[in-house]
Amino acid sequence: MIEAKINTNTLSIVVLNWNDYSSTINCVNSILNACNSSSNSAVNTCTLYVVDNNSSDESPDVLKRWVEENDENIDQSLVYLQSYDNLGYAGGNNLALRKAYSLGCDYYLVINNDAIVTKGSIDELLFSLSKGVDIVGPAIVDPETGKVQSAGKKIDTYFGKHTAYKDLDVGLKDVGYVSGACIMFTKRVIDKISFLEESYFIYTEDIEYCLRAKNNNLKVACNTNVHIFHSSAGAIDTRYSKGIRKYYQTRNNVLMAVKYFKRPHALIYIVFMLVRIVKNSLLFLWRGNFFAIHMCFYGFYDGIRLRDGKIDTRKNCL
């Protein structure tokens, strides 16, 4: 890790919960341990926002009580925020980001609740921002297999292919985008491009945010010396939920292409997306997962219709 201290003022860390308070508590504890074990803290004030995105389980009661019990026993500040509607990934995180921004916070870290922060990682990500980087992410590693999920990614705007870099410990690397599982940025980013895009509801927000930043001459990089553990399985792994995931990923990629790519690029990108949908559908057909096939094509259809927001599963998924 880089042993260098930078002069910063305030850092806000946002952890979004939805029906998984156990993972959220583990994630926050890893952040607290990382902050408390640092002998070279890069921030004067650190506030951790725990946001519940209208969970239907015991999360609101458990997390609110946990925050109240632990806030007095730590050096950092713990803040609990409750949303009374499921706002999606961007909307839930923006709830805390807007609050922190209104208080004049200098640096922001958004991290998935099923991620685990390693010692020294927060300080080194902050150090990256002192090197002219506006948005930075760590290398994402699967805790069970040790495989690198990504050390930043690039996107081919012609053929729609997303490629993950896998090289570790090569320092700061310019990338197309970094994973929303753990993304840190400066106040300057919000000043210039505002908050996360809420119209997607879930998936693709990290790509869109980085593309929007790069279109505004902001620098996006991955610090490959920082390793964050994040399960590749994710929170939605059931047969039904996988179909929902395919819907959002397909639809939102089409929406992003229409908005950010030049017209010839967007058209080619969308055509190749359709080719991949057909190819994947053959695999789903072999597995008998007809729902996933339906949701892939439905997502594509909604994307070219420019439909965004949260899908009504009662009307559109049955």
Protein backbone atom coordinates (compact mmCIF):
# COMPACT_ATOMS: atom_id res chain seq x y z
CA MET A 1 0.00 0.00 0.00
CA ILE A 2 1.09 3.58 -0.65
CA GLU A 3 2.35 5.18 2.53
CA ALA A 4 1.37 8.75 1.74
CA LYS A 5 -1.00 11.05 3.50
CA ILE A 6 -3.10 13.56 1.63
CA ASN A 7 -4.84 16.60 2.99
CA THR A 8 -8.54 15.87 2.79
CA ASN A 9 -11.47 16.98 4.88
CA THR A 10 -14.52 14.77 4.70
CA LEU A 11 -15.41 11.38 3.27
CA SER A 12 -18.91 9.94 3.02
CA ILE A 13 -19.35 6.19 2.53
CA VAL A 14 -22.71 4.84 1.38
CA VAL A 15 -23.85 1.25 1.90
CA LEU A 16 -27.26 0.41 0.42
CA ASN A 17 -29.30 -2.41 1.94
CA TRP A 18 -32.24 -4.34 0.53
CA ASN A 19 -33.44 -7.40 2.44
CA ASP A 20 -29.93 -8.42 3.51
CA TYR A 21 -29.02 -6.79 6.82
CA SER A 22 -26.48 -9.48 7.68
CA SER A 23 -24.29 -8.69 4.67
CA THR A 24 -24.72 -4.97 5.28
CA ILE A 25 -23.47 -5.25 8.87
CA ASN A 26 -20.49 -7.35 7.73
CA CYS A 27 -19.66 -4.78 5.07
CA VAL A 28 -19.90 -1.82 7.46
CA ASN A 29 -17.79 -3.65 10.04
CA SER A 30 -15.09 -4.25 7.42
CA ILE A 31 -15.12 -0.53 6.60
CA LEU A 32 -14.88 0.40 10.27
CA ASN A 33 -12.01 -2.07 10.79
CA ALA A 34 -10.21 -0.69 7.75
CA CYS A 35 -10.59 2.88 9.00
CA ASN A 36 -9.69 2.10 12.60
CA SER A 37 -6.65 0.00 11.67
CA SER A 38 -5.18 2.72 9.45
CA SER A 39 -2.19 4.41 11.01
CA ASN A 40 -2.15 6.99 8.24
CA SER A 41 -5.74 8.12 7.91
CA ALA A 42 -6.29 10.31 4.89
CA VAL A 43 -9.48 11.96 6.14
CA ASN A 44 -10.35 14.16 9.03
CA THR A 45 -14.02 13.17 9.17
CA CYS A 46 -15.65 9.99 7.89
CA THR A 47 -19.42 9.46 7.84
CA LEU A 48 -20.95 6.08 7.00
CA TYR A 49 -24.48 6.19 5.65
CA VAL A 50 -26.47 2.97 5.95
CA VAL A 51 -29.48 3.27 3.65
CA ASP A 52 -32.36 0.81 3.68
CA ASN A 53 -34.14 0.66 0.33
CA ASN A 54 -37.62 -0.20 1.65
CA SER A 55 -36.78 -3.77 2.66
CA SER A 56 -39.61 -6.19 3.35
CA ASP A 57 -37.66 -8.25 5.90
CA GLU A 58 -36.43 -7.23 9.37
CA SER A 59 -33.72 -4.96 7.94
CA PRO A 60 -35.21 -1.58 8.93
CA ASP A 61 -35.55 -2.50 12.62
CA VAL A 62 -32.28 -4.43 12.80
CA LEU A 63 -30.14 -1.87 11.02
CA LYS A 64 -31.60 1.17 12.76
CA ARG A 65 -31.00 -0.45 16.13
CA TRP A 66 -27.50 -1.60 15.13
CA VAL A 67 -26.53 1.91 13.99
CA GLU A 68 -27.84 3.49 17.18
CA GLU A 69 -25.97 0.97 19.35
CA ASN A 70 -22.65 1.31 17.50
CA ASP A 71 -22.52 5.00 16.62
CA GLU A 72 -21.32 6.03 20.07
CA ASN A 73 -18.53 3.42 20.17
CA ILE A 74 -16.60 4.37 17.03
CA ASP A 75 -14.52 7.29 15.81
CA GLN A 76 -16.51 7.61 12.59
CA SER A 77 -20.10 8.79 12.37
CA LEU A 78 -22.84 6.28 11.53
CA VAL A 79 -26.07 7.58 9.97
CA TYR A 80 -29.13 5.49 9.20
CA LEU A 81 -31.46 6.56 6.38
CA GLN A 82 -34.77 4.88 5.57
CA SER A 83 -36.40 4.97 2.15
CA TYR A 84 -40.10 4.20 2.06
CA ASP A 85 -39.96 3.10 -1.55
CA ASN A 86 -37.54 0.84 -3.42
CA LEU A 87 -35.63 3.50 -5.34
CA GLY A 88 -33.26 1.13 -7.11
CA TYR A 89 -29.47 1.19 -6.95
CA ALA A 90 -28.97 4.80 -8.00
CA GLY A 91 -31.98 6.23 -6.18
CA GLY A 92 -31.12 4.52 -2.91
CA ASN A 93 -27.49 5.61 -3.02
CA ASN A 94 -28.44 9.12 -4.13
CA LEU A 95 -30.53 9.47 -0.99
CA ALA A 96 -27.30 9.54 1.03
CA LEU A 97 -25.15 11.20 -1.63
CA ARG A 98 -27.49 14.19 -1.79
CA LYS A 99 -27.46 14.55 1.97
CA ALA A 100 -23.66 14.37 2.12
CA TYR A 101 -23.30 16.78 -0.80
CA SER A 102 -25.60 19.29 0.87
CA LEU A 103 -23.21 19.22 3.83
CA GLY A 104 -20.26 20.01 1.58
CA CYS A 105 -18.57 16.59 1.65
CA ASP A 106 -15.30 16.38 -0.32
CA TYR A 107 -15.09 12.66 -1.21
CA TYR A 108 -17.68 9.93 -1.74
CA LEU A 109 -17.47 6.13 -1.69
CA VAL A 110 -20.37 3.94 -2.84
CA ILE A 111 -19.94 0.26 -2.03
CA ASN A 112 -22.20 -2.79 -2.39
CA ASN A 113 -23.41 -4.25 0.87
CA ASP A 114 -22.01 -7.70 -0.02
CA ALA A 115 -18.48 -6.35 -0.48
CA ILE A 116 -15.68 -6.57 2.08
CA VAL A 117 -13.13 -3.77 2.39
CA THR A 118 -9.49 -4.66 3.04
CA LYS A 119 -7.03 -2.86 5.29
CA GLY A 120 -5.58 0.32 3.79
CA SER A 121 -7.86 0.23 0.75
CA ILE A 122 -9.83 3.37 1.53
CA ASP A 123 -6.69 5.45 2.12
CA GLU A 124 -5.14 4.27 -1.13
CA LEU A 125 -8.27 4.99 -3.14
CA LEU A 126 -8.25 8.49 -1.65
CA PHE A 127 -4.59 8.83 -2.57
CA SER A 128 -5.52 7.99 -6.17
CA LEU A 129 -7.83 11.00 -6.24
CA SER A 130 -4.90 13.22 -5.34
CA LYS A 131 -3.19 12.11 -8.57
CA GLY A 132 -5.59 13.87 -10.89
CA VAL A 133 -8.15 11.08 -10.96
CA ASP A 134 -11.81 12.02 -10.54
CA ILE A 135 -13.42 8.56 -10.30
CA VAL A 136 -11.52 5.52 -9.04
CA GLY A 137 -12.34 1.94 -8.24
CA PRO A 138 -10.39 -1.03 -6.87
CA ALA A 139 -9.79 -4.46 -8.35
CA ILE A 140 -12.79 -6.67 -7.55
CA VAL A 141 -11.90 -10.17 -6.34
CA ASP A 142 -14.16 -13.15 -5.61
CA PRO A 143 -13.57 -14.09 -1.95
CA GLU A 144 -14.25 -17.80 -2.51
CA THR A 145 -12.29 -18.50 -5.69
CA GLY A 146 -9.74 -15.68 -5.53
CA LYS A 147 -10.46 -14.93 -9.19
CA VAL A 148 -10.35 -11.35 -10.38
CA GLN A 149 -13.78 -10.21 -11.51
CA SER A 150 -12.37 -6.99 -12.87
CA ALA A 151 -9.59 -4.46 -12.47
CA GLY A 152 -11.55 -1.89 -14.38
CA LYS A 153 -13.36 -2.51 -17.66
CA LYS A 154 -13.61 -1.21 -21.19
CA ILE A 155 -16.56 -1.14 -23.56
CA ASP A 156 -16.46 -1.55 -27.32
CA THR A 157 -18.96 1.00 -28.59
CA TYR A 158 -19.18 -0.74 -31.96
CA PHE A 159 -19.84 -4.34 -31.00
CA GLY A 160 -21.15 -3.87 -27.47
CA LYS A 161 -18.54 -6.08 -25.87
CA HIS A 162 -17.55 -5.41 -22.27
CA THR A 163 -14.02 -6.55 -21.41
CA ALA A 164 -12.70 -6.77 -17.85
CA TYR A 165 -9.05 -6.07 -17.17
CA LYS A 166 -7.53 -8.72 -14.89
CA ASP A 167 -4.00 -7.46 -14.14
CA LEU A 168 -3.37 -6.76 -10.46
CA ASP A 169 -0.78 -4.63 -8.67
CA VAL A 170 0.18 -2.49 -11.66
CA GLY A 171 -0.85 0.77 -10.01
CA LEU A 172 -3.29 3.29 -11.43
CA LYS A 173 -4.72 2.38 -14.82
CA ASP A 174 -6.97 4.42 -17.08
CA VAL A 175 -10.12 2.42 -17.82
CA GLY A 176 -13.45 2.82 -19.56
CA TYR A 177 -15.36 2.34 -16.34
CA VAL A 178 -15.08 0.85 -12.87
CA SER A 179 -17.47 -1.47 -11.10
CA GLY A 180 -20.29 0.05 -9.07
CA ALA A 181 -19.54 -2.58 -6.43
CA CYS A 182 -17.01 -0.06 -5.11
CA ILE A 183 -16.59 3.37 -6.66
CA MET A 184 -15.04 6.51 -5.17
CA PHE A 185 -15.24 10.02 -6.58
CA THR A 186 -14.65 13.64 -5.74
CA LYS A 187 -17.10 16.47 -5.10
CA ARG A 188 -15.95 17.90 -8.42
CA VAL A 189 -17.67 14.98 -10.19
CA ILE A 190 -21.04 15.79 -8.64
CA ASP A 191 -20.46 19.49 -9.28
CA LYS A 192 -19.96 18.74 -12.96
CA ILE A 193 -22.27 15.80 -13.81
CA SER A 194 -24.63 15.56 -10.81
CA PHE A 195 -25.64 12.24 -9.18
CA LEU A 196 -26.15 8.67 -10.33
CA GLU A 197 -28.71 8.10 -13.09
CA GLU A 198 -31.94 6.87 -11.49
CA SER A 199 -33.94 6.02 -14.60
CA TYR A 200 -32.21 2.63 -15.03
CA PHE A 201 -33.42 1.42 -11.61
CA ILE A 202 -30.72 -1.26 -11.39
CA TYR A 203 -27.64 -2.24 -13.46
CA THR A 204 -25.56 -0.15 -15.90
CA GLU A 205 -25.51 2.94 -13.63
CA ASP A 206 -21.76 2.54 -13.04
CA ILE A 207 -21.05 2.39 -16.78
CA GLU A 208 -23.29 5.37 -17.49
CA TYR A 209 -21.76 7.45 -14.69
CA CYS A 210 -18.22 6.83 -15.93
CA LEU A 211 -19.18 7.51 -19.56
CA ARG A 212 -20.88 10.72 -18.51
CA ALA A 213 -17.77 11.71 -16.55
CA LYS A 214 -15.41 10.98 -19.44
CA ASN A 215 -17.65 12.97 -21.80
CA ASN A 216 -17.11 15.89 -19.42
CA ASN A 217 -13.31 15.54 -19.42
CA LEU A 218 -13.15 13.79 -16.05
CA LYS A 219 -10.63 11.01 -15.51
CA VAL A 220 -11.66 7.45 -14.62
CA ALA A 221 -9.12 4.92 -13.35
CA CYS A 222 -8.72 1.68 -11.45
CA ASN A 223 -6.16 1.37 -8.68
CA THR A 224 -5.13 -2.23 -9.25
CA ASN A 225 -3.12 -2.22 -6.00
CA VAL A 226 -6.39 -2.11 -4.05
CA HIS A 227 -8.34 -5.37 -3.79
CA ILE A 228 -11.95 -5.49 -2.63
CA PHE A 229 -13.74 -8.79 -2.07
CA HIS A 230 -17.14 -9.14 -3.69
CA SER A 231 -19.12 -12.30 -4.34
CA SER A 232 -19.69 -13.03 -8.02
CA ALA A 233 -22.98 -14.75 -7.22
CA GLY A 234 -24.71 -11.54 -6.19
CA ALA A 235 -27.95 -11.17 -4.29
CA ILE A 236 -30.21 -12.34 -7.11
CA ASP A 237 -29.41 -15.86 -8.21
CA THR A 238 -32.77 -17.58 -8.45
CA ARG A 239 -34.25 -18.72 -11.75
CA TYR A 240 -36.87 -15.96 -11.65
CA SER A 241 -34.51 -13.21 -10.53
CA LYS A 242 -31.96 -14.09 -13.21
CA GLY A 243 -34.63 -13.31 -15.81
CA ILE A 244 -35.31 -9.95 -14.15
CA ARG A 245 -31.59 -9.21 -14.18
CA LYS A 246 -31.39 -10.01 -17.89
CA TYR A 247 -34.27 -7.62 -18.54
CA TYR A 248 -32.59 -4.67 -16.84
CA GLN A 249 -29.13 -5.39 -18.23
CA THR A 250 -30.46 -5.67 -21.79
CA ARG A 251 -32.81 -2.69 -21.62
CA ASN A 252 -30.36 -0.38 -19.89
CA ASN A 253 -27.52 -1.15 -22.29
CA VAL A 254 -29.79 -0.22 -25.20
CA LEU A 255 -30.83 3.00 -23.42
CA MET A 256 -27.19 3.86 -22.73
CA ALA A 257 -26.17 3.25 -26.35
CA VAL A 258 -28.95 5.47 -27.69
CA LYS A 259 -28.01 8.27 -25.28
CA TYR A 260 -24.21 8.22 -25.35
CA PHE A 261 -23.00 6.64 -28.58
CA LYS A 262 -22.85 8.30 -31.96
CA ARG A 263 -25.69 7.15 -34.21
CA PRO A 264 -23.69 4.64 -36.34
CA HIS A 265 -22.08 3.26 -33.19
CA ALA A 266 -25.40 2.96 -31.41
CA LEU A 267 -27.04 1.12 -34.29
CA ILE A 268 -24.20 -1.40 -34.63
CA TYR A 269 -24.06 -1.80 -30.84
CA ILE A 270 -27.79 -2.56 -30.66
CA VAL A 271 -27.64 -5.03 -33.59
CA PHE A 272 -24.83 -6.97 -31.95
CA MET A 273 -26.73 -6.94 -28.68
CA LEU A 274 -29.63 -8.60 -30.48
CA VAL A 275 -27.26 -11.21 -31.91
CA ARG A 276 -26.00 -11.99 -28.38
CA ILE A 277 -29.58 -12.20 -27.10
CA VAL A 278 -30.40 -14.82 -29.74
CA LYS A 279 -27.23 -16.73 -28.88
CA ASN A 280 -27.95 -16.64 -25.14
CA SER A 281 -31.57 -17.61 -25.75
CA LEU A 282 -30.44 -20.85 -27.35
CA LEU A 283 -28.58 -21.66 -24.14
CA PHE A 284 -31.62 -20.75 -22.02
CA LEU A 285 -33.77 -22.88 -24.31
CA TRP A 286 -31.47 -25.85 -23.72
CA ARG A 287 -31.85 -25.30 -19.98
CA GLY A 288 -35.61 -24.86 -20.23
CA ASN A 289 -35.50 -21.31 -18.85
CA PHE A 290 -38.19 -19.77 -21.06
CA PHE A 291 -38.73 -16.90 -18.65
CA ALA A 292 -35.15 -15.66 -19.15
CA ILE A 293 -35.64 -15.77 -22.93
CA HIS A 294 -38.83 -13.74 -22.61
CA MET A 295 -37.14 -11.15 -20.38
CA CYS A 296 -34.12 -10.75 -22.69
CA PHE A 297 -36.31 -9.92 -25.67
CA TYR A 298 -38.71 -7.86 -23.57
CA GLY A 299 -35.79 -5.82 -22.24
CA PHE A 300 -34.54 -5.26 -25.77
CA TYR A 301 -38.02 -4.18 -26.88
CA ASP A 302 -38.38 -1.74 -23.99
CA GLY A 303 -34.89 -0.39 -24.67
CA ILE A 304 -35.61 0.54 -28.28
CA ARG A 305 -38.91 2.06 -27.05
CA LEU A 306 -36.82 4.14 -24.60
CA ARG A 307 -38.79 2.83 -21.66
CA ASP A 308 -36.99 3.22 -18.34
CA GLY A 309 -37.69 3.00 -14.61
CA LYS A 310 -38.79 0.04 -12.54
CA ILE A 311 -40.58 -2.76 -14.34
CA ASP A 312 -43.99 -3.81 -13.00
CA THR A 313 -43.41 -7.53 -12.54
CA ARG A 314 -47.11 -8.16 -11.97
CA LYS A 315 -48.01 -6.93 -15.45
CA ASN A 316 -44.94 -7.59 -17.55
CA CYS A 317 -43.16 -10.66 -16.23
CA LEU A 318 -45.84 -13.31 -16.02
